[in-house]
Amino acid sequence: MKAIVMKSYGTNDVLAIRDFPEPQLTDDGVMIEVYAAGLNPVDIKIRSGKMRPLLEYPLPLVPGNDIAGRVVRVGPRVTRFKAGDEVYASVDKKRLGAFAEYAVVSEDFLALKPKNLTFAEAASLPLVALTVCQALHSVARCKIGQRIFIKAGSGGVGTFAIQFAKACGLEVATTTSAGNLPWVAQLGADRVIDYRTERFEDLLRDFDIVLDSVDDDNPSRGIRILKPGGHLIALAGPPDAKFAQQFGLNPILQFACFVLSFRETLLSRLAGIHYSFIFVKPSGAQLDTVTQFIEQGKIKAVVDRVFPFQQYGNAFDYLATGRTKGKVVLSLKE
C-alpha cells in the first residue's frame, strides 16, 4: 500500500510517500480502506520529536490519528461491523497509521460515519471530538447551565468544543481574532473576545470550566476566571503527575511531569480549583454520541481545507501556521 512514512524526527523532509506493508488484521480488528485522514497539531509534534518523552515510536512509522473510510474485512471476534460499512475513528495511539491507504482499528475504537457527512468531514472529527467529550464529561463532569471558556474558538478544537458545549446546555465564552468574531458567534458562542485587543482574564469571572488548547500560552491565566471548585483542563500542557501515573510513565518521567506542572498545580490548589492535563483515548462509544449530535443537526464539521494526499507537505505547513478556521484534512479518494 501507499503510505506517508516517517523515517526519522524533524521537518517535512523526514516524510515521504512510499510503499509500505499493509497492517496485519487482529482478531478484534477492522481493516479499513482510508478515504480521508485528518491532521492535528499532535501530528506535527510527533513528526518533530516533541512527543518522544511520552510516546516513543519505532521507525519507520506511518503517522496520523484520524481516519474515515470503508470496512474491507473484519477479524473473527468483530460483531458490530461488516465489509462495506462507512466508518470513522481515532486510531490506536501506540501505533498510529492513519496516513495510509489501509489501516487496522480495534472494533472498540470505531463508529459508523454520520450519514450526513462526507468522508473528509468525518475524518476531521475523531481526535477533537473525543478530546472535548472526555474533557467535559469524564474530567469536568459538566452540567446544564454551567459556564465554559474555550480558548481559540476558531481552531480545530475550538470550533467543535463550542458546538458540543452548547449541545450539552453550557454557556460559552471564547477568543478569536477580530475577523472571525461573527463567524465564531454563529457556531454558538455566547461571548466572543478579540484576543489581540483584550485580555479574557480581565473580562470574565465565575466560570466552571476552562478548556485550554493553546500551545506556548500560560495555562494559569485561566485560573483567575474560575469559581472555586472549577476545572482548568489543559490539552497542550504541561502534563501533570496524575496524568503521568495513569499513562504508565516511568518514575523519572512522572517526576518530570510533577516539576513541569508544579506552578499550575500549586496555583490551582491555592485558588481551590482543579488542574488536569488530558491525553485523548480512542472510543467508538463516544463517537457514537457525536454521530447522534451531528445527524440531529446540533453539531457540524468545520473543515478549513482539504489537500490531496500527495500534497501532505503543504497540509502540514498550513496547519503549522496556527491560523486555520477548523480542521485540515488529507484526501486519499474522491
Protein backbone atom coordinates (compact mmCIF):
# COMPACT_ATOMS: atom_id res chain seq x y z
CA MET A 1 0.00 0.00 0.00
CA LYS A 2 0.98 3.65 -0.35
CA ALA A 3 1.60 5.49 2.89
CA ILE A 4 3.24 8.60 4.28
CA VAL A 5 6.28 7.16 6.02
CA MET A 6 8.35 8.94 8.66
CA LYS A 7 11.98 7.74 8.65
CA SER A 8 13.30 10.00 11.45
CA TYR A 9 12.28 13.05 13.50
CA GLY A 10 12.42 16.55 12.06
CA THR A 11 10.67 18.73 9.47
CA ASN A 12 8.60 17.66 6.47
CA ASP A 13 11.80 16.34 4.89
CA VAL A 14 11.57 13.23 7.08
CA LEU A 15 8.23 12.31 5.44
CA ALA A 16 7.76 10.63 2.07
CA ILE A 17 5.06 8.63 0.27
CA ARG A 18 6.39 5.09 -0.03
CA ASP A 19 5.26 1.51 -0.49
CA PHE A 20 4.65 0.08 2.97
CA PRO A 21 3.33 -3.28 4.20
CA GLU A 22 -0.38 -3.40 4.96
CA PRO A 23 -1.13 -3.60 8.69
CA GLN A 24 -1.97 -7.07 9.98
CA LEU A 25 -5.61 -7.74 10.84
CA THR A 26 -6.05 -8.66 14.51
CA ASP A 27 -8.83 -10.84 15.94
CA ASP A 28 -10.71 -7.76 17.21
CA GLY A 29 -9.54 -5.50 14.41
CA VAL A 30 -11.25 -3.93 11.41
CA MET A 31 -9.36 -3.36 8.15
CA ILE A 32 -10.37 -0.01 6.66
CA GLU A 33 -9.71 1.43 3.24
CA VAL A 34 -8.90 5.02 4.16
CA TYR A 35 -10.74 7.66 2.12
CA ALA A 36 -9.64 10.68 4.19
CA ALA A 37 -7.33 11.39 7.13
CA GLY A 38 -7.49 14.35 9.49
CA LEU A 39 -4.43 16.35 10.54
CA ASN A 40 -3.94 17.53 14.12
CA PRO A 41 -1.30 19.63 15.90
CA VAL A 42 -0.15 16.46 17.68
CA ASP A 43 0.88 15.07 14.27
CA ILE A 44 3.36 17.93 13.94
CA LYS A 45 4.63 17.28 17.47
CA ILE A 46 5.11 13.59 16.71
CA ARG A 47 6.97 14.36 13.46
CA SER A 48 9.25 16.88 15.18
CA GLY A 49 10.00 14.58 18.12
CA LYS A 50 8.35 16.74 20.78
CA MET A 51 6.19 13.81 21.89
CA ARG A 52 9.10 11.39 22.37
CA PRO A 53 9.18 11.73 26.19
CA LEU A 54 5.59 10.44 26.26
CA LEU A 55 5.36 8.33 23.11
CA GLU A 56 8.41 6.69 21.57
CA TYR A 57 7.56 5.08 18.23
CA PRO A 58 9.69 2.58 16.31
CA LEU A 59 10.84 3.96 12.97
CA PRO A 60 9.98 3.93 10.14
CA LEU A 61 6.47 5.00 11.18
CA VAL A 62 3.21 5.70 9.37
CA PRO A 63 1.86 8.66 11.39
CA GLY A 64 -1.67 10.02 11.63
CA ASN A 65 -4.52 9.72 14.13
CA ASP A 66 -7.87 10.28 12.37
CA ILE A 67 -9.46 8.30 9.56
CA ALA A 68 -12.70 7.85 7.66
CA GLY A 69 -13.30 5.15 5.09
CA ARG A 70 -14.94 1.81 4.26
CA VAL A 71 -14.56 -1.52 6.01
CA VAL A 72 -12.72 -4.07 3.85
CA ARG A 73 -12.74 -7.05 6.20
CA VAL A 74 -13.01 -7.80 9.91
CA GLY A 75 -11.34 -10.06 12.46
CA PRO A 76 -13.09 -13.19 13.79
CA ARG A 77 -14.12 -11.54 17.07
CA VAL A 78 -15.71 -8.46 15.45
CA THR A 79 -19.50 -8.37 15.72
CA ARG A 80 -20.57 -4.76 15.13
CA PHE A 81 -19.08 -4.05 11.70
CA LYS A 82 -19.02 -5.71 8.30
CA ALA A 83 -17.42 -5.17 4.91
CA GLY A 84 -18.80 -2.09 3.17
CA ASP A 85 -19.66 -0.12 6.32
CA GLU A 86 -18.71 3.55 6.22
CA VAL A 87 -16.80 4.32 9.43
CA TYR A 88 -14.57 6.81 11.22
CA ALA A 89 -12.18 6.58 14.14
CA SER A 90 -9.17 7.82 16.02
CA VAL A 91 -6.59 5.06 15.76
CA ASP A 92 -4.52 3.35 18.47
CA LYS A 93 -2.09 5.93 19.88
CA LYS A 94 0.59 3.27 20.36
CA ARG A 95 0.91 2.51 16.64
CA LEU A 96 -0.87 5.30 14.68
CA GLY A 97 -1.11 4.60 10.91
CA ALA A 98 -3.86 6.90 9.61
CA PHE A 99 -1.83 8.38 6.72
CA ALA A 100 -2.05 5.30 4.52
CA GLU A 101 -4.34 3.57 2.05
CA TYR A 102 -5.30 0.99 4.68
CA ALA A 103 -5.47 1.00 8.47
CA VAL A 104 -6.47 -1.54 11.12
CA VAL A 105 -8.54 -0.24 14.01
CA SER A 106 -9.87 -2.05 17.07
CA GLU A 107 -13.63 -2.56 16.95
CA ASP A 108 -13.91 -0.68 20.25
CA PHE A 109 -12.38 2.45 18.68
CA LEU A 110 -14.64 2.50 15.62
CA ALA A 111 -18.02 4.12 14.87
CA LEU A 112 -20.31 4.33 11.87
CA LYS A 113 -19.74 7.55 9.93
CA PRO A 114 -22.51 10.15 10.27
CA LYS A 115 -24.76 9.73 7.25
CA ASN A 116 -24.89 13.47 6.55
CA LEU A 117 -21.10 13.96 6.36
CA THR A 118 -18.58 13.40 3.60
CA PHE A 119 -15.55 11.25 4.33
CA ALA A 120 -13.38 14.37 4.57
CA GLU A 121 -15.76 15.95 7.08
CA ALA A 122 -15.91 12.76 9.13
CA ALA A 123 -12.10 12.44 9.16
CA SER A 124 -11.85 15.93 10.63
CA LEU A 125 -13.67 14.95 13.81
CA PRO A 126 -12.45 11.96 15.85
CA LEU A 127 -9.50 13.34 17.82
CA VAL A 128 -11.02 16.74 18.60
CA ALA A 129 -14.43 15.24 19.31
CA LEU A 130 -13.03 12.65 21.71
CA THR A 131 -10.82 15.24 23.37
CA VAL A 132 -13.74 17.55 24.05
CA CYS A 133 -16.06 14.71 25.13
CA GLN A 134 -13.53 13.39 27.61
CA ALA A 135 -12.63 16.85 28.89
CA LEU A 136 -16.23 17.91 29.54
CA HIS A 137 -17.78 14.62 30.59
CA SER A 138 -15.03 12.46 32.09
CA VAL A 139 -12.96 15.21 33.74
CA ALA A 140 -15.18 18.24 34.38
CA ARG A 141 -18.46 16.28 34.58
CA CYS A 142 -20.27 19.27 33.11
CA LYS A 143 -23.88 20.07 33.93
CA ILE A 144 -26.56 22.03 32.10
CA GLY A 145 -26.30 25.74 32.81
CA GLN A 146 -22.59 25.76 33.66
CA ARG A 147 -20.23 28.26 32.06
CA ILE A 148 -17.20 27.28 29.97
CA PHE A 149 -14.39 29.37 28.50
CA ILE A 150 -12.78 27.89 25.37
CA LYS A 151 -9.52 29.39 24.16
CA ALA A 152 -9.04 29.81 20.40
CA GLY A 153 -12.61 29.35 19.24
CA SER A 154 -11.78 29.30 15.53
CA GLY A 155 -9.26 26.43 15.72
CA GLY A 156 -9.83 22.74 15.20
CA VAL A 157 -10.63 22.03 18.85
CA GLY A 158 -12.44 25.31 19.43
CA THR A 159 -14.93 25.03 16.57
CA PHE A 160 -16.05 21.63 17.80
CA ALA A 161 -15.90 22.47 21.51
CA ILE A 162 -18.20 25.49 21.12
CA GLN A 163 -20.86 23.42 19.38
CA PHE A 164 -20.54 20.43 21.71
CA ALA A 165 -20.72 22.62 24.81
CA LYS A 166 -23.86 24.34 23.53
CA ALA A 167 -25.40 20.95 22.68
CA CYS A 168 -24.74 19.95 26.32
CA GLY A 169 -26.51 23.06 27.59
CA LEU A 170 -23.48 25.14 28.62
CA GLU A 171 -22.93 28.90 28.34
CA VAL A 172 -19.85 29.52 26.17
CA ALA A 173 -17.24 32.26 26.01
CA THR A 174 -14.26 32.10 23.67
CA THR A 175 -11.46 34.07 21.99
CA THR A 176 -10.54 34.65 18.37
CA SER A 177 -9.25 37.41 16.09
CA ALA A 178 -11.45 40.33 15.06
CA GLY A 179 -12.13 38.97 11.58
CA ASN A 180 -13.54 35.74 12.99
CA LEU A 181 -15.80 37.25 15.66
CA PRO A 182 -19.13 36.97 13.75
CA TRP A 183 -18.29 33.52 12.39
CA VAL A 184 -17.41 32.09 15.81
CA ALA A 185 -20.58 33.62 17.26
CA GLN A 186 -22.56 31.75 14.59
CA LEU A 187 -21.11 28.49 15.90
CA GLY A 188 -22.95 29.22 19.14
CA ALA A 189 -20.58 31.15 21.39
CA ASP A 190 -22.45 33.46 23.77
CA ARG A 191 -19.49 35.82 24.18
CA VAL A 192 -16.54 36.24 21.82
CA ILE A 193 -13.41 38.20 22.80
CA ASP A 194 -10.81 39.58 20.39
CA TYR A 195 -7.61 38.21 21.93
CA ARG A 196 -5.47 40.78 20.10
CA THR A 197 -7.06 43.78 21.82
CA GLU A 198 -8.47 42.37 25.06
CA ARG A 199 -7.34 40.01 27.82
CA PHE A 200 -10.00 37.48 28.67
CA GLU A 201 -8.90 37.28 32.32
CA ASP A 202 -9.75 40.97 32.72
CA LEU A 203 -13.28 40.48 31.38
CA LEU A 204 -14.54 37.11 32.60
CA ARG A 205 -15.33 35.79 36.07
CA ASP A 206 -17.04 32.85 37.83
CA PHE A 207 -16.64 30.22 35.13
CA ASP A 208 -16.97 26.50 35.84
CA ILE A 209 -14.63 25.18 33.16
CA VAL A 210 -11.67 26.50 31.17
CA LEU A 211 -10.63 24.44 28.13
CA ASP A 212 -7.11 25.44 27.10
CA SER A 213 -5.73 24.02 23.84
CA VAL A 214 -3.23 26.78 23.08
CA ASP A 215 0.49 26.00 22.86
CA ASP A 216 3.00 28.48 24.25
CA ASP A 217 0.43 30.18 26.45
CA ASN A 218 0.34 30.23 30.23
CA PRO A 219 -2.46 27.87 31.37
CA SER A 220 -2.59 29.58 34.76
CA ARG A 221 -4.22 32.63 33.14
CA GLY A 222 -7.42 30.64 33.20
CA ILE A 223 -7.29 30.19 36.97
CA ARG A 224 -8.29 33.81 37.51
CA ILE A 225 -11.69 33.39 35.85
CA LEU A 226 -12.71 30.12 37.53
CA LYS A 227 -15.01 29.87 40.52
CA PRO A 228 -13.95 27.69 43.48
CA GLY A 229 -14.26 24.04 42.54
CA GLY A 230 -13.91 24.80 38.82
CA HIS A 231 -11.78 22.89 36.33
CA LEU A 232 -8.81 24.11 34.30
CA ILE A 233 -8.29 21.48 31.60
CA ALA A 234 -5.07 21.73 29.59
CA LEU A 235 -4.81 19.97 26.23
CA ALA A 236 -1.41 21.34 25.29
CA GLY A 237 0.37 21.05 28.65
CA PRO A 238 2.11 20.99 30.94
CA PRO A 239 1.30 17.35 31.80
CA ASP A 240 0.70 16.73 35.50
CA ALA A 241 1.79 13.91 37.80
CA LYS A 242 -1.68 12.32 37.83
CA PHE A 243 -1.63 12.02 34.04
CA ALA A 244 1.88 10.55 34.15
CA GLN A 245 0.75 7.85 36.59
CA GLN A 246 -2.38 6.99 34.60
CA PHE A 247 -0.36 6.90 31.36
CA GLY A 248 2.10 4.47 32.92
CA LEU A 249 5.21 6.61 32.54
CA ASN A 250 8.37 5.54 34.36
CA PRO A 251 9.20 7.18 37.74
CA ILE A 252 11.69 9.62 36.18
CA LEU A 253 9.11 10.92 33.71
CA GLN A 254 6.48 11.04 36.44
CA PHE A 255 8.77 13.28 38.44
CA ALA A 256 9.48 15.41 35.36
CA CYS A 257 5.73 15.91 34.84
CA PHE A 258 5.39 16.85 38.50
CA VAL A 259 8.06 19.52 38.07
CA LEU A 260 6.66 20.83 34.78
CA SER A 261 3.17 21.25 36.22
CA PHE A 262 4.20 22.35 39.71
CA ARG A 263 3.29 26.01 39.17
CA GLU A 264 -0.13 25.26 37.71
CA THR A 265 -0.87 22.61 40.32
CA LEU A 266 0.14 24.88 43.21
CA LEU A 267 -1.78 27.89 41.91
CA SER A 268 -4.84 25.70 41.31
CA ARG A 269 -4.79 24.36 44.85
CA LEU A 270 -4.39 27.85 46.30
CA ALA A 271 -7.36 29.02 44.23
CA GLY A 272 -9.45 26.00 45.15
CA ILE A 273 -9.82 24.70 41.60
CA HIS A 274 -8.79 21.54 39.75
CA TYR A 275 -5.98 21.36 37.15
CA SER A 276 -5.93 18.43 34.73
CA PHE A 277 -3.90 17.57 31.65
CA ILE A 278 -5.62 15.08 29.38
CA PHE A 279 -4.42 12.91 26.53
CA VAL A 280 -7.27 11.54 24.47
CA LYS A 281 -8.23 7.86 24.45
CA PRO A 282 -9.91 6.33 21.37
CA SER A 283 -13.54 5.37 21.95
CA GLY A 284 -16.12 4.20 19.45
CA ALA A 285 -18.90 4.58 22.02
CA GLN A 286 -18.15 8.29 22.46
CA LEU A 287 -18.01 8.77 18.69
CA ASP A 288 -21.47 7.18 18.51
CA THR A 289 -22.70 10.02 20.76
CA VAL A 290 -21.03 12.57 18.48
CA THR A 291 -22.70 10.92 15.47
CA GLN A 292 -26.11 11.39 17.07
CA PHE A 293 -25.45 15.10 17.64
CA ILE A 294 -24.28 15.53 14.04
CA GLU A 295 -27.18 13.66 12.47
CA GLN A 296 -29.58 15.69 14.64
CA GLY A 297 -28.02 18.89 13.27
CA LYS A 298 -26.68 20.05 16.65
CA ILE A 299 -23.03 19.93 15.51
CA LYS A 300 -21.47 20.41 12.09
CA ALA A 301 -17.99 19.50 10.94
CA VAL A 302 -15.83 22.56 10.27
CA VAL A 303 -13.21 21.85 7.61
CA ASP A 304 -10.88 24.63 6.54
CA ARG A 305 -9.03 22.93 3.67
CA VAL A 306 -8.79 19.50 2.08
CA PHE A 307 -5.43 18.65 0.50
CA PRO A 308 -4.74 15.79 -1.92
CA PHE A 309 -2.73 13.01 -0.29
CA GLN A 310 0.31 13.85 -2.39
CA GLN A 311 0.34 17.40 -1.02
CA TYR A 312 0.84 16.32 2.61
CA GLY A 313 3.77 18.76 2.99
CA ASN A 314 1.56 21.71 2.11
CA ALA A 315 -1.08 20.43 4.54
CA PHE A 316 1.43 20.19 7.39
CA ASP A 317 2.77 23.67 6.62
CA TYR A 318 -0.72 25.15 6.53
CA LEU A 319 -1.67 23.57 9.84
CA ALA A 320 1.56 24.84 11.40
CA THR A 321 0.59 28.46 10.71
CA GLY A 322 -1.89 28.24 13.60
CA ARG A 323 -4.40 30.29 11.60
CA THR A 324 -6.76 27.60 10.39
CA LYS A 325 -10.52 28.00 10.66
CA GLY A 326 -11.45 24.48 11.62
CA LYS A 327 -9.64 21.34 10.51
CA VAL A 328 -7.18 20.35 7.80
CA VAL A 329 -7.75 17.03 6.01
CA LEU A 330 -5.86 14.80 3.56
CA SER A 331 -7.97 13.19 0.84
CA LEU A 332 -6.96 9.74 -0.42
CA LYS A 333 -10.10 9.14 -2.51
CA GLU A 334 -12.69 11.41 -4.01
